[in-house]
Amino acid sequence: MNPLESLWRSRKFWLAVVAVVQTAVFAWLPGFPDEVWQAINVILLWLIGTIAVEDAAGKLGIRNRPQGTAGE
């Protein structure tokens, strides 16, 4: 898969685009509370980080095991 195609399919990329767009729009709107768009950015960055960890675990072959099955 070419790099541009994988970028267009990347959930992390699109969440980052949404974060940048919403930051620009909400910063431009007069009177919109900074705390609200900053909180939205925190949520989006948390989602990006969670997806990155999920992707890394998938590449390393780490799977989520049900409790009590470790070492079996």
PDB file of N, CA and C in Angstrom:
ATOM      1  N   MET A   1       0.854  -1.177   0.000  1.00  0.00           N
ATOM      2  CA  MET A   1       0.000   0.000   0.000  1.00  0.00           C
ATOM      3  C   MET A   1       0.897   1.236   0.000  1.00  0.00           C
ATOM      4  N   ASN A   2       0.564   2.198  -0.825  1.00  0.00           N
ATOM      5  CA  ASN A   2       1.406   3.389  -0.878  1.00  0.00           C
ATOM      6  C   ASN A   2       1.136   4.279   0.343  1.00  0.00           C
ATOM      7  N   PRO A   3       2.118   5.086   0.744  1.00  0.00           N
ATOM      8  CA  PRO A   3       2.000   5.876   1.981  1.00  0.00           C
ATOM      9  C   PRO A   3       0.820   6.846   1.982  1.00  0.00           C
ATOM     10  N   LEU A   4       0.526   7.447   0.842  1.00  0.00           N
ATOM     11  CA  LEU A   4      -0.587   8.394   0.790  1.00  0.00           C
ATOM     12  C   LEU A   4      -1.920   7.684   0.998  1.00  0.00           C
ATOM     13  N   GLU A   5      -2.040   6.498   0.431  1.00  0.00           N
ATOM     14  CA  GLU A   5      -3.272   5.724   0.607  1.00  0.00           C
ATOM     15  C   GLU A   5      -3.456   5.324   2.067  1.00  0.00           C
ATOM     16  N   SER A   6      -2.384   4.908   2.720  1.00  0.00           N
ATOM     17  CA  SER A   6      -2.505   4.537   4.130  1.00  0.00           C
ATOM     18  C   SER A   6      -2.812   5.751   4.999  1.00  0.00           C
ATOM     19  N   LEU A   7      -2.327   6.928   4.598  1.00  0.00           N
ATOM     20  CA  LEU A   7      -2.649   8.155   5.334  1.00  0.00           C
ATOM     21  C   LEU A   7      -4.138   8.465   5.231  1.00  0.00           C
ATOM     22  N   TRP A   8      -4.706   8.334   4.039  1.00  0.00           N
ATOM     23  CA  TRP A   8      -6.129   8.617   3.845  1.00  0.00           C
ATOM     24  C   TRP A   8      -7.009   7.650   4.616  1.00  0.00           C
ATOM     25  N   ARG A   9      -6.503   6.448   4.907  1.00  0.00           N
ATOM     26  CA  ARG A   9      -7.270   5.442   5.643  1.00  0.00           C
ATOM     27  C   ARG A   9      -7.002   5.488   7.147  1.00  0.00           C
ATOM     28  N   SER A  10      -6.112   6.358   7.565  1.00  0.00           N
ATOM     29  CA  SER A  10      -5.688   6.404   8.963  1.00  0.00           C
ATOM     30  C   SER A  10      -6.709   7.120   9.850  1.00  0.00           C
ATOM     31  N   ARG A  11      -7.178   6.419  10.875  1.00  0.00           N
ATOM     32  CA  ARG A  11      -8.091   7.039  11.840  1.00  0.00           C
ATOM     33  C   ARG A  11      -7.386   8.145  12.605  1.00  0.00           C
ATOM     34  N   LYS A  12      -6.110   7.942  12.895  1.00  0.00           N
ATOM     35  CA  LYS A  12      -5.345   8.966  13.627  1.00  0.00           C
ATOM     36  C   LYS A  12      -5.230  10.245  12.804  1.00  0.00           C
ATOM     37  N   PHE A  13      -4.979  10.109  11.522  1.00  0.00           N
ATOM     38  CA  PHE A  13      -4.872  11.274  10.644  1.00  0.00           C
ATOM     39  C   PHE A  13      -6.167  12.073  10.640  1.00  0.00           C
ATOM     40  N   TRP A  14      -7.298  11.406  10.470  1.00  0.00           N
ATOM     41  CA  TRP A  14      -8.571  12.117  10.381  1.00  0.00           C
ATOM     42  C   TRP A  14      -8.958  12.744  11.713  1.00  0.00           C
ATOM     43  N   LEU A  15      -8.630  12.103  12.825  1.00  0.00           N
ATOM     44  CA  LEU A  15      -8.884  12.726  14.128  1.00  0.00           C
ATOM     45  C   LEU A  15      -8.016  13.968  14.302  1.00  0.00           C
ATOM     46  N   ALA A  16      -6.783  13.910  13.823  1.00  0.00           N
ATOM     47  CA  ALA A  16      -5.906  15.086  13.899  1.00  0.00           C
ATOM     48  C   ALA A  16      -6.439  16.214  13.020  1.00  0.00           C
ATOM     49  N   VAL A  17      -6.954  15.880  11.839  1.00  0.00           N
ATOM     50  CA  VAL A  17      -7.548  16.897  10.965  1.00  0.00           C
ATOM     51  C   VAL A  17      -8.749  17.542  11.653  1.00  0.00           C
ATOM     52  N   VAL A  18      -9.598  16.734  12.264  1.00  0.00           N
ATOM     53  CA  VAL A  18     -10.758  17.265  12.989  1.00  0.00           C
ATOM     54  C   VAL A  18     -10.302  18.178  14.118  1.00  0.00           C
ATOM     55  N   ALA A  19      -9.262  17.779  14.847  1.00  0.00           N
ATOM     56  CA  ALA A  19      -8.755  18.600  15.952  1.00  0.00           C
ATOM     57  C   ALA A  19      -8.263  19.956  15.456  1.00  0.00           C
ATOM     58  N   VAL A  20      -7.531  19.962  14.362  1.00  0.00           N
ATOM     59  CA  VAL A  20      -7.012  21.224  13.824  1.00  0.00           C
ATOM     60  C   VAL A  20      -8.154  22.107  13.328  1.00  0.00           C
ATOM     61  N   VAL A  21      -9.096  21.519  12.610  1.00  0.00           N
ATOM     62  CA  VAL A  21     -10.216  22.297  12.070  1.00  0.00           C
ATOM     63  C   VAL A  21     -11.073  22.864  13.194  1.00  0.00           C
ATOM     64  N   GLN A  22     -11.405  22.037  14.182  1.00  0.00           N
ATOM     65  CA  GLN A  22     -12.257  22.542  15.254  1.00  0.00           C
ATOM     66  C   GLN A  22     -11.537  23.583  16.085  1.00  0.00           C
ATOM     67  N   THR A  23     -10.226  23.453  16.253  1.00  0.00           N
ATOM     68  CA  THR A  23      -9.467  24.474  16.975  1.00  0.00           C
ATOM     69  C   THR A  23      -9.509  25.797  16.222  1.00  0.00           C
ATOM     70  N   ALA A  24      -9.306  25.742  14.915  1.00  0.00           N
ATOM     71  CA  ALA A  24      -9.333  26.969  14.111  1.00  0.00           C
ATOM     72  C   ALA A  24     -10.716  27.611  14.122  1.00  0.00           C
ATOM     73  N   VAL A  25     -11.749  26.807  13.950  1.00  0.00           N
ATOM     74  CA  VAL A  25     -13.113  27.344  13.906  1.00  0.00           C
ATOM     75  C   VAL A  25     -13.506  27.935  15.254  1.00  0.00           C
ATOM     76  N   PHE A  26     -13.261  27.199  16.334  1.00  0.00           N
ATOM     77  CA  PHE A  26     -13.679  27.688  17.650  1.00  0.00           C
ATOM     78  C   PHE A  26     -12.830  28.864  18.122  1.00  0.00           C
ATOM     79  N   ALA A  27     -11.581  28.930  17.711  1.00  0.00           N
ATOM     80  CA  ALA A  27     -10.750  30.089  18.058  1.00  0.00           C
ATOM     81  C   ALA A  27     -11.212  31.323  17.282  1.00  0.00           C
ATOM     82  N   TRP A  28     -11.757  31.115  16.104  1.00  0.00           N
ATOM     83  CA  TRP A  28     -12.230  32.205  15.260  1.00  0.00           C
ATOM     84  C   TRP A  28     -13.581  32.747  15.731  1.00  0.00           C
ATOM     85  N   LEU A  29     -14.423  31.861  16.310  1.00  0.00           N
ATOM     86  CA  LEU A  29     -15.744  32.287  16.770  1.00  0.00           C
ATOM     87  C   LEU A  29     -15.609  33.173  18.005  1.00  0.00           C
ATOM     88  N   PRO A  30     -16.160  34.377  17.949  1.00  0.00           N
ATOM     89  CA  PRO A  30     -16.054  35.256  19.116  1.00  0.00           C
ATOM     90  C   PRO A  30     -16.939  34.749  20.258  1.00  0.00           C
ATOM     91  N   GLY A  31     -16.388  34.776  21.442  1.00  0.00           N
ATOM     92  CA  GLY A  31     -17.160  34.406  22.620  1.00  0.00           C
ATOM     93  C   GLY A  31     -17.268  32.918  22.886  1.00  0.00           C
ATOM     94  N   PHE A  32     -16.681  32.086  22.038  1.00  0.00           N
ATOM     95  CA  PHE A  32     -16.743  30.643  22.296  1.00  0.00           C
ATOM     96  C   PHE A  32     -15.753  30.323  23.406  1.00  0.00           C
ATOM     97  N   PRO A  33     -16.195  29.639  24.461  1.00  0.00           N
ATOM     98  CA  PRO A  33     -15.313  29.388  25.609  1.00  0.00           C
ATOM     99  C   PRO A  33     -14.084  28.547  25.235  1.00  0.00           C
ATOM    100  N   ASP A  34     -12.910  29.050  25.613  1.00  0.00           N
ATOM    101  CA  ASP A  34     -11.662  28.322  25.344  1.00  0.00           C
ATOM    102  C   ASP A  34     -11.670  26.941  25.978  1.00  0.00           C
ATOM    103  N   GLU A  35     -12.255  26.841  27.165  1.00  0.00           N
ATOM    104  CA  GLU A  35     -12.250  25.574  27.893  1.00  0.00           C
ATOM    105  C   GLU A  35     -12.962  24.471  27.115  1.00  0.00           C
ATOM    106  N   VAL A  36     -13.990  24.835  26.374  1.00  0.00           N
ATOM    107  CA  VAL A  36     -14.760  23.830  25.632  1.00  0.00           C
ATOM    108  C   VAL A  36     -13.940  23.257  24.484  1.00  0.00           C
ATOM    109  N   TRP A  37     -13.364  24.114  23.632  1.00  0.00           N
ATOM    110  CA  TRP A  37     -12.608  23.559  22.505  1.00  0.00           C
ATOM    111  C   TRP A  37     -11.319  22.905  22.966  1.00  0.00           C
ATOM    112  N   GLN A  38     -10.759  23.371  24.075  1.00  0.00           N
ATOM    113  CA  GLN A  38      -9.573  22.707  24.612  1.00  0.00           C
ATOM    114  C   GLN A  38      -9.926  21.324  25.159  1.00  0.00           C
ATOM    115  N   ALA A  39     -11.096  21.197  25.779  1.00  0.00           N
ATOM    116  CA  ALA A  39     -11.544  19.889  26.270  1.00  0.00           C
ATOM    117  C   ALA A  39     -11.791  18.934  25.102  1.00  0.00           C
ATOM    118  N   ILE A  40     -12.361  19.449  24.024  1.00  0.00           N
ATOM    119  CA  ILE A  40     -12.572  18.616  22.835  1.00  0.00           C
ATOM    120  C   ILE A  40     -11.224  18.160  22.278  1.00  0.00           C
ATOM    121  N   ASN A  41     -10.240  19.044  22.259  1.00  0.00           N
ATOM    122  CA  ASN A  41      -8.896  18.669  21.798  1.00  0.00           C
ATOM    123  C   ASN A  41      -8.295  17.574  22.662  1.00  0.00           C
ATOM    124  N   VAL A  42      -8.484  17.668  23.973  1.00  0.00           N
ATOM    125  CA  VAL A  42      -7.959  16.635  24.876  1.00  0.00           C
ATOM    126  C   VAL A  42      -8.585  15.285  24.545  1.00  0.00           C
ATOM    127  N   ILE A  43      -9.889  15.269  24.324  1.00  0.00           N
ATOM    128  CA  ILE A  43     -10.573  14.014  23.986  1.00  0.00           C
ATOM    129  C   ILE A  43     -10.051  13.458  22.659  1.00  0.00           C
ATOM    130  N   LEU A  44      -9.901  14.319  21.663  1.00  0.00           N
ATOM    131  CA  LEU A  44      -9.399  13.861  20.360  1.00  0.00           C
ATOM    132  C   LEU A  44      -7.969  13.340  20.468  1.00  0.00           C
ATOM    133  N   LEU A  45      -7.123  14.030  21.228  1.00  0.00           N
ATOM    134  CA  LEU A  45      -5.740  13.563  21.402  1.00  0.00           C
ATOM    135  C   LEU A  45      -5.701  12.242  22.164  1.00  0.00           C
ATOM    136  N   TRP A  46      -6.587  12.082  23.140  1.00  0.00           N
ATOM    137  CA  TRP A  46      -6.669  10.817  23.866  1.00  0.00           C
ATOM    138  C   TRP A  46      -7.069   9.692  22.907  1.00  0.00           C
ATOM    139  N   LEU A  47      -8.034   9.946  22.036  1.00  0.00           N
ATOM    140  CA  LEU A  47      -8.441   8.947  21.052  1.00  0.00           C
ATOM    141  C   LEU A  47      -7.293   8.590  20.109  1.00  0.00           C
ATOM    142  N   ILE A  48      -6.552   9.592  19.655  1.00  0.00           N
ATOM    143  CA  ILE A  48      -5.405   9.339  18.780  1.00  0.00           C
ATOM    144  C   ILE A  48      -4.382   8.465  19.496  1.00  0.00           C
ATOM    145  N   GLY A  49      -4.099   8.778  20.754  1.00  0.00           N
ATOM    146  CA  GLY A  49      -3.151   7.975  21.531  1.00  0.00           C
ATOM    147  C   GLY A  49      -3.632   6.553  21.733  1.00  0.00           C
ATOM    148  N   THR A  50      -4.913   6.391  22.017  1.00  0.00           N
ATOM    149  CA  THR A  50      -5.482   5.056  22.212  1.00  0.00           C
ATOM    150  C   THR A  50      -5.392   4.230  20.933  1.00  0.00           C
ATOM    151  N   ILE A  51      -5.695   4.847  19.811  1.00  0.00           N
ATOM    152  CA  ILE A  51      -5.598   4.144  18.527  1.00  0.00           C
ATOM    153  C   ILE A  51      -4.143   3.788  18.224  1.00  0.00           C
ATOM    154  N   ALA A  52      -3.215   4.679  18.562  1.00  0.00           N
ATOM    155  CA  ALA A  52      -1.791   4.393  18.337  1.00  0.00           C
ATOM    156  C   ALA A  52      -1.348   3.188  19.157  1.00  0.00           C
ATOM    157  N   VAL A  53      -1.793   3.113  20.404  1.00  0.00           N
ATOM    158  CA  VAL A  53      -1.451   1.961  21.252  1.00  0.00           C
ATOM    159  C   VAL A  53      -2.072   0.692  20.681  1.00  0.00           C
ATOM    160  N   GLU A  54      -3.320   0.780  20.238  1.00  0.00           N
ATOM    161  CA  GLU A  54      -3.991  -0.371  19.633  1.00  0.00           C
ATOM    162  C   GLU A  54      -3.245  -0.839  18.380  1.00  0.00           C
ATOM    163  N   ASP A  55      -2.838   0.091  17.534  1.00  0.00           N
ATOM    164  CA  ASP A  55      -2.089  -0.258  16.322  1.00  0.00           C
ATOM    165  C   ASP A  55      -0.746  -0.898  16.657  1.00  0.00           C
ATOM    166  N   ALA A  56      -0.052  -0.336  17.647  1.00  0.00           N
ATOM    167  CA  ALA A  56       1.248  -0.887  18.051  1.00  0.00           C
ATOM    168  C   ALA A  56       1.083  -2.292  18.612  1.00  0.00           C
ATOM    169  N   ALA A  57       0.062  -2.501  19.429  1.00  0.00           N
ATOM    170  CA  ALA A  57      -0.179  -3.831  19.992  1.00  0.00           C
ATOM    171  C   ALA A  57      -0.497  -4.831  18.883  1.00  0.00           C
ATOM    172  N   GLY A  58      -1.245  -4.405  17.891  1.00  0.00           N
ATOM    173  CA  GLY A  58      -1.558  -5.287  16.767  1.00  0.00           C
ATOM    174  C   GLY A  58      -0.326  -5.670  15.974  1.00  0.00           C
ATOM    175  N   LYS A  59       0.578  -4.716  15.782  1.00  0.00           N
ATOM    176  CA  LYS A  59       1.806  -5.004  15.036  1.00  0.00           C
ATOM    177  C   LYS A  59       2.750  -5.903  15.828  1.00  0.00           C
ATOM    178  N   LEU A  60       2.689  -5.803  17.160  1.00  0.00           N
ATOM    179  CA  LEU A  60       3.540  -6.639  18.000  1.00  0.00           C
ATOM    180  C   LEU A  60       2.909  -7.996  18.292  1.00  0.00           C
ATOM    181  N   GLY A  61       1.667  -8.177  17.887  1.00  0.00           N
ATOM    182  CA  GLY A  61       0.986  -9.452  18.104  1.00  0.00           C
ATOM    183  C   GLY A  61       0.449  -9.614  19.507  1.00  0.00           C
ATOM    184  N   ILE A  62       0.272  -8.524  20.224  1.00  0.00           N
ATOM    185  CA  ILE A  62      -0.264  -8.578  21.583  1.00  0.00           C
ATOM    186  C   ILE A  62      -1.778  -8.586  21.483  1.00  0.00           C
ATOM    187  N   ARG A  63      -2.388  -9.553  22.156  1.00  0.00           N
ATOM    188  CA  ARG A  63      -3.845  -9.654  22.125  1.00  0.00           C
ATOM    189  C   ARG A  63      -4.400  -9.453  23.515  1.00  0.00           C
ATOM    190  N   ASN A  64      -5.631  -9.008  23.558  1.00  0.00           N
ATOM    191  CA  ASN A  64      -6.327  -8.837  24.819  1.00  0.00           C
ATOM    192  C   ASN A  64      -6.853 -10.199  25.248  1.00  0.00           C
ATOM    193  N   ARG A  65      -6.391 -10.706  26.379  1.00  0.00           N
ATOM    194  CA  ARG A  65      -6.820 -12.021  26.845  1.00  0.00           C
ATOM    195  C   ARG A  65      -7.865 -11.866  27.942  1.00  0.00           C
ATOM    196  N   PRO A  66      -8.834 -12.788  28.000  1.00  0.00           N
ATOM    197  CA  PRO A  66      -9.785 -12.761  29.110  1.00  0.00           C
ATOM    198  C   PRO A  66      -9.052 -12.976  30.428  1.00  0.00           C
ATOM    199  N   GLN A  67      -9.594 -12.405  31.483  1.00  0.00           N
ATOM    200  CA  GLN A  67      -8.958 -12.498  32.795  1.00  0.00           C
ATOM    201  C   GLN A  67      -8.840 -13.959  33.225  1.00  0.00           C
ATOM    202  N   GLY A  68      -7.703 -14.303  33.796  1.00  0.00           N
ATOM    203  CA  GLY A  68      -7.482 -15.647  34.301  1.00  0.00           C
ATOM    204  C   GLY A  68      -6.917 -16.615  33.279  1.00  0.00           C
ATOM    205  N   THR A  69      -6.623 -16.160  32.068  1.00  0.00           N
ATOM    206  CA  THR A  69      -6.096 -17.072  31.051  1.00  0.00           C
ATOM    207  C   THR A  69      -4.631 -16.818  30.747  1.00  0.00           C
ATOM    208  N   ALA A  70      -4.012 -15.875  31.442  1.00  0.00           N
ATOM    209  CA  ALA A  70      -2.602 -15.571  31.182  1.00  0.00           C
ATOM    210  C   ALA A  70      -1.742 -16.778  31.534  1.00  0.00           C
ATOM    211  N   GLY A  71      -0.816 -17.100  30.677  1.00  0.00           N
ATOM    212  CA  GLY A  71       0.114 -18.191  30.938  1.00  0.00           C
ATOM    213  C   GLY A  71      -0.424 -19.558  30.584  1.00  0.00           C
ATOM    214  N   GLU A  72      -1.617 -19.624  30.068  1.00  0.00           N
ATOM    215  CA  GLU A  72      -2.173 -20.932  29.709  1.00  0.00           C
ATOM    216  C   GLU A  72      -1.842 -21.284  28.290  1.00  0.00           C
TER     217      GLU A  72
END
